[in-house]
Amino acid sequence: MTKSKPTEDELEERIARAQEWGQFRQEFGFTQKSLADTLKSIDTDKTGKLPGVSRRTIQMIEAGLIKPHAHTLALFEELKRRHERNKDR
């Protein structure tokens, strides 16, 4: 089964996500590896074959090459929410 090419809207979404993730990492001092480790550590759903997120996945998201799974997006949003809340303290 061949993959279809991403649409223009999907490419724009990937670029926006890549910028968001990169800015978040820089603002809060994460490396790609530490972001992956942190996302893995807050992952409470251990039912999947490979829980957490790898450094390579972070690289591919920030390069705009892939659209992350919904679970990965949820983990990132949770981490982002926690850091934004603590930033105001």
N, C-alpha and C. Protein backbone atom coordinates (compact mmCIF):
# COMPACT_ATOMS: atom_id res chain seq x y z
N MET A 1 0.84 -1.17 0.00
CA MET A 1 0.00 0.00 0.00
C MET A 1 0.89 1.24 0.00
N THR A 2 0.68 2.11 -0.95
CA THR A 2 1.49 3.31 -1.04
C THR A 2 0.87 4.44 -0.25
N LYS A 3 1.73 5.30 0.25
CA LYS A 3 1.27 6.47 0.98
C LYS A 3 0.88 7.55 0.00
N SER A 4 -0.19 8.24 0.31
CA SER A 4 -0.57 9.37 -0.52
C SER A 4 0.22 10.60 -0.08
N LYS A 5 0.45 11.50 -1.02
CA LYS A 5 1.17 12.73 -0.69
C LYS A 5 0.30 13.59 0.21
N PRO A 6 0.94 14.27 1.18
CA PRO A 6 0.17 15.15 2.04
C PRO A 6 -0.39 16.34 1.25
N THR A 7 -1.56 16.78 1.64
CA THR A 7 -2.17 17.93 0.99
C THR A 7 -1.45 19.21 1.45
N GLU A 8 -1.75 20.30 0.80
CA GLU A 8 -1.17 21.59 1.17
C GLU A 8 -1.53 21.96 2.60
N ASP A 9 -2.78 21.69 2.99
CA ASP A 9 -3.21 21.98 4.37
C ASP A 9 -2.43 21.13 5.38
N GLU A 10 -2.22 19.86 5.04
CA GLU A 10 -1.47 18.98 5.95
C GLU A 10 -0.02 19.46 6.08
N LEU A 11 0.56 19.90 4.98
CA LEU A 11 1.94 20.41 5.04
C LEU A 11 2.02 21.67 5.90
N GLU A 12 1.06 22.56 5.76
CA GLU A 12 1.03 23.77 6.59
C GLU A 12 0.88 23.42 8.06
N GLU A 13 0.04 22.42 8.34
CA GLU A 13 -0.16 21.97 9.73
C GLU A 13 1.13 21.40 10.29
N ARG A 14 1.84 20.62 9.49
CA ARG A 14 3.12 20.04 9.94
C ARG A 14 4.15 21.13 10.23
N ILE A 15 4.20 22.14 9.37
CA ILE A 15 5.16 23.23 9.55
C ILE A 15 4.83 24.00 10.83
N ALA A 16 3.56 24.29 11.03
CA ALA A 16 3.15 25.01 12.24
C ALA A 16 3.47 24.20 13.49
N ARG A 17 3.22 22.90 13.43
CA ARG A 17 3.51 22.03 14.57
C ARG A 17 5.01 21.99 14.82
N ALA A 18 5.81 21.89 13.77
CA ALA A 18 7.27 21.84 13.90
C ALA A 18 7.77 23.10 14.60
N GLN A 19 7.24 24.25 14.22
CA GLN A 19 7.64 25.51 14.85
C GLN A 19 7.21 25.55 16.31
N GLU A 20 6.00 25.09 16.58
CA GLU A 20 5.49 25.09 17.96
C GLU A 20 6.36 24.22 18.86
N TRP A 21 6.67 23.01 18.40
CA TRP A 21 7.48 22.10 19.21
C TRP A 21 8.89 22.64 19.41
N GLY A 22 9.48 23.20 18.37
CA GLY A 22 10.83 23.76 18.48
C GLY A 22 10.87 24.94 19.44
N GLN A 23 9.88 25.83 19.33
CA GLN A 23 9.83 26.98 20.23
C GLN A 23 9.63 26.55 21.67
N PHE A 24 8.76 25.56 21.88
CA PHE A 24 8.53 25.05 23.24
C PHE A 24 9.83 24.51 23.82
N ARG A 25 10.55 23.72 23.03
CA ARG A 25 11.81 23.14 23.51
C ARG A 25 12.80 24.23 23.89
N GLN A 26 12.94 25.24 23.04
CA GLN A 26 13.89 26.31 23.33
C GLN A 26 13.47 27.13 24.55
N GLU A 27 12.20 27.43 24.64
CA GLU A 27 11.72 28.25 25.75
C GLU A 27 11.93 27.58 27.09
N PHE A 28 11.74 26.26 27.13
CA PHE A 28 11.83 25.55 28.41
C PHE A 28 13.10 24.72 28.56
N GLY A 29 14.04 24.89 27.64
CA GLY A 29 15.35 24.27 27.79
C GLY A 29 15.41 22.77 27.57
N PHE A 30 14.56 22.25 26.73
CA PHE A 30 14.59 20.83 26.42
C PHE A 30 15.48 20.55 25.21
N THR A 31 16.20 19.45 25.24
CA THR A 31 16.80 18.91 24.03
C THR A 31 15.77 17.98 23.43
N GLN A 32 16.00 17.52 22.21
CA GLN A 32 15.05 16.57 21.62
C GLN A 32 15.00 15.29 22.45
N LYS A 33 16.14 14.86 22.94
CA LYS A 33 16.20 13.64 23.76
C LYS A 33 15.46 13.85 25.09
N SER A 34 15.69 14.98 25.74
CA SER A 34 15.04 15.20 27.03
C SER A 34 13.53 15.38 26.86
N LEU A 35 13.10 15.97 25.75
CA LEU A 35 11.66 16.08 25.49
C LEU A 35 11.05 14.70 25.31
N ALA A 36 11.73 13.85 24.54
CA ALA A 36 11.24 12.49 24.34
C ALA A 36 11.16 11.74 25.67
N ASP A 37 12.19 11.86 26.48
CA ASP A 37 12.21 11.18 27.79
C ASP A 37 11.10 11.70 28.70
N THR A 38 10.88 13.01 28.68
CA THR A 38 9.85 13.60 29.52
C THR A 38 8.46 13.15 29.07
N LEU A 39 8.22 13.15 27.77
CA LEU A 39 6.92 12.68 27.27
C LEU A 39 6.70 11.23 27.65
N LYS A 40 7.77 10.44 27.60
CA LYS A 40 7.67 9.03 27.99
C LYS A 40 7.34 8.90 29.47
N SER A 41 7.93 9.77 30.29
CA SER A 41 7.74 9.67 31.74
C SER A 41 6.33 10.08 32.17
N ILE A 42 5.67 10.97 31.42
CA ILE A 42 4.31 11.37 31.81
C ILE A 42 3.24 10.49 31.15
N ASP A 43 3.67 9.55 30.34
CA ASP A 43 2.73 8.66 29.64
C ASP A 43 2.21 7.61 30.62
N THR A 44 0.95 7.74 30.99
CA THR A 44 0.35 6.78 31.92
C THR A 44 -0.32 5.62 31.20
N ASP A 45 -0.48 5.72 29.89
CA ASP A 45 -1.09 4.65 29.10
C ASP A 45 0.01 3.70 28.64
N LYS A 46 0.20 2.63 29.36
CA LYS A 46 1.27 1.68 29.06
C LYS A 46 0.75 0.45 28.29
N THR A 47 -0.40 0.60 27.64
CA THR A 47 -1.00 -0.55 26.96
C THR A 47 -0.42 -0.79 25.58
N GLY A 48 0.22 0.21 24.98
CA GLY A 48 0.78 0.07 23.63
C GLY A 48 2.05 -0.76 23.63
N LYS A 49 2.46 -1.18 22.44
CA LYS A 49 3.68 -1.97 22.32
C LYS A 49 4.91 -1.15 22.71
N LEU A 50 4.96 0.09 22.25
CA LEU A 50 6.10 0.95 22.54
C LEU A 50 5.62 2.24 23.18
N PRO A 51 5.47 2.25 24.51
CA PRO A 51 4.97 3.45 25.16
C PRO A 51 5.97 4.60 25.05
N GLY A 52 5.46 5.79 25.05
CA GLY A 52 6.32 6.95 25.01
C GLY A 52 6.64 7.41 23.61
N VAL A 53 7.61 8.28 23.52
CA VAL A 53 7.99 8.91 22.26
C VAL A 53 9.51 8.83 22.15
N SER A 54 10.01 8.55 20.96
CA SER A 54 11.46 8.46 20.78
C SER A 54 12.04 9.79 20.32
N ARG A 55 13.35 9.92 20.47
CA ARG A 55 14.05 11.11 20.00
C ARG A 55 13.87 11.25 18.49
N ARG A 56 13.89 10.15 17.79
CA ARG A 56 13.72 10.18 16.33
C ARG A 56 12.34 10.71 15.95
N THR A 57 11.33 10.35 16.72
CA THR A 57 9.98 10.87 16.46
C THR A 57 9.97 12.39 16.62
N ILE A 58 10.62 12.89 17.67
CA ILE A 58 10.70 14.33 17.89
C ILE A 58 11.39 15.00 16.70
N GLN A 59 12.49 14.40 16.24
CA GLN A 59 13.20 14.95 15.09
C GLN A 59 12.31 15.02 13.86
N MET A 60 11.56 13.96 13.61
CA MET A 60 10.71 13.91 12.42
C MET A 60 9.55 14.90 12.52
N ILE A 61 9.00 15.08 13.72
CA ILE A 61 7.92 16.06 13.92
C ILE A 61 8.47 17.47 13.66
N GLU A 62 9.63 17.77 14.23
CA GLU A 62 10.20 19.11 14.09
C GLU A 62 10.70 19.38 12.68
N ALA A 63 10.93 18.33 11.91
CA ALA A 63 11.32 18.50 10.50
C ALA A 63 10.09 18.60 9.60
N GLY A 64 8.91 18.39 10.18
CA GLY A 64 7.68 18.45 9.41
C GLY A 64 7.47 17.24 8.52
N LEU A 65 8.11 16.13 8.84
CA LEU A 65 8.03 14.94 8.00
C LEU A 65 6.84 14.06 8.32
N ILE A 66 6.36 14.11 9.55
CA ILE A 66 5.27 13.23 9.95
C ILE A 66 4.20 14.00 10.72
N LYS A 67 3.05 13.40 10.76
CA LYS A 67 1.97 13.87 11.62
C LYS A 67 1.94 12.90 12.80
N PRO A 68 2.17 13.38 14.00
CA PRO A 68 2.21 12.47 15.15
C PRO A 68 0.86 11.85 15.46
N HIS A 69 0.89 10.70 16.10
CA HIS A 69 -0.33 10.04 16.55
C HIS A 69 -1.05 10.93 17.56
N ALA A 70 -2.33 10.70 17.69
CA ALA A 70 -3.14 11.48 18.63
C ALA A 70 -2.61 11.36 20.06
N HIS A 71 -2.13 10.18 20.42
CA HIS A 71 -1.61 9.97 21.77
C HIS A 71 -0.36 10.85 22.01
N THR A 72 0.50 10.94 21.02
CA THR A 72 1.70 11.78 21.13
C THR A 72 1.31 13.24 21.26
N LEU A 73 0.34 13.67 20.47
CA LEU A 73 -0.13 15.06 20.56
C LEU A 73 -0.73 15.35 21.93
N ALA A 74 -1.47 14.39 22.48
CA ALA A 74 -2.07 14.56 23.80
C ALA A 74 -0.98 14.68 24.88
N LEU A 75 0.07 13.86 24.77
CA LEU A 75 1.17 13.95 25.73
C LEU A 75 1.85 15.31 25.66
N PHE A 76 2.09 15.79 24.45
CA PHE A 76 2.73 17.09 24.28
C PHE A 76 1.86 18.21 24.86
N GLU A 77 0.58 18.16 24.57
CA GLU A 77 -0.34 19.20 25.09
C GLU A 77 -0.37 19.19 26.61
N GLU A 78 -0.34 18.00 27.22
CA GLU A 78 -0.31 17.89 28.68
C GLU A 78 0.97 18.51 29.24
N LEU A 79 2.11 18.18 28.63
CA LEU A 79 3.38 18.72 29.09
C LEU A 79 3.41 20.24 28.91
N LYS A 80 2.93 20.70 27.79
CA LYS A 80 2.89 22.14 27.50
C LYS A 80 2.00 22.86 28.53
N ARG A 81 0.86 22.28 28.83
CA ARG A 81 -0.06 22.86 29.81
C ARG A 81 0.61 22.96 31.18
N ARG A 82 1.30 21.92 31.59
CA ARG A 82 1.98 21.91 32.88
C ARG A 82 3.05 23.01 32.95
N HIS A 83 3.82 23.14 31.90
CA HIS A 83 4.90 24.13 31.90
C HIS A 83 4.36 25.55 31.82
N GLU A 84 3.31 25.76 31.04
CA GLU A 84 2.72 27.09 30.97
C GLU A 84 2.13 27.49 32.31
N ARG A 85 1.50 26.54 32.99
CA ARG A 85 0.91 26.82 34.30
C ARG A 85 2.00 27.16 35.31
N ASN A 86 3.10 26.42 35.29
CA ASN A 86 4.20 26.63 36.25
C ASN A 86 5.01 27.87 35.91
N LYS A 87 4.99 28.30 34.67
CA LYS A 87 5.73 29.48 34.23
C LYS A 87 5.22 30.74 34.91
N ASP A 88 3.92 30.76 35.19
CA ASP A 88 3.29 31.94 35.80
C ASP A 88 3.52 32.02 37.30
N ARG A 89 4.11 31.02 37.89
CA ARG A 89 4.34 31.01 39.34
C ARG A 89 5.50 31.87 39.73
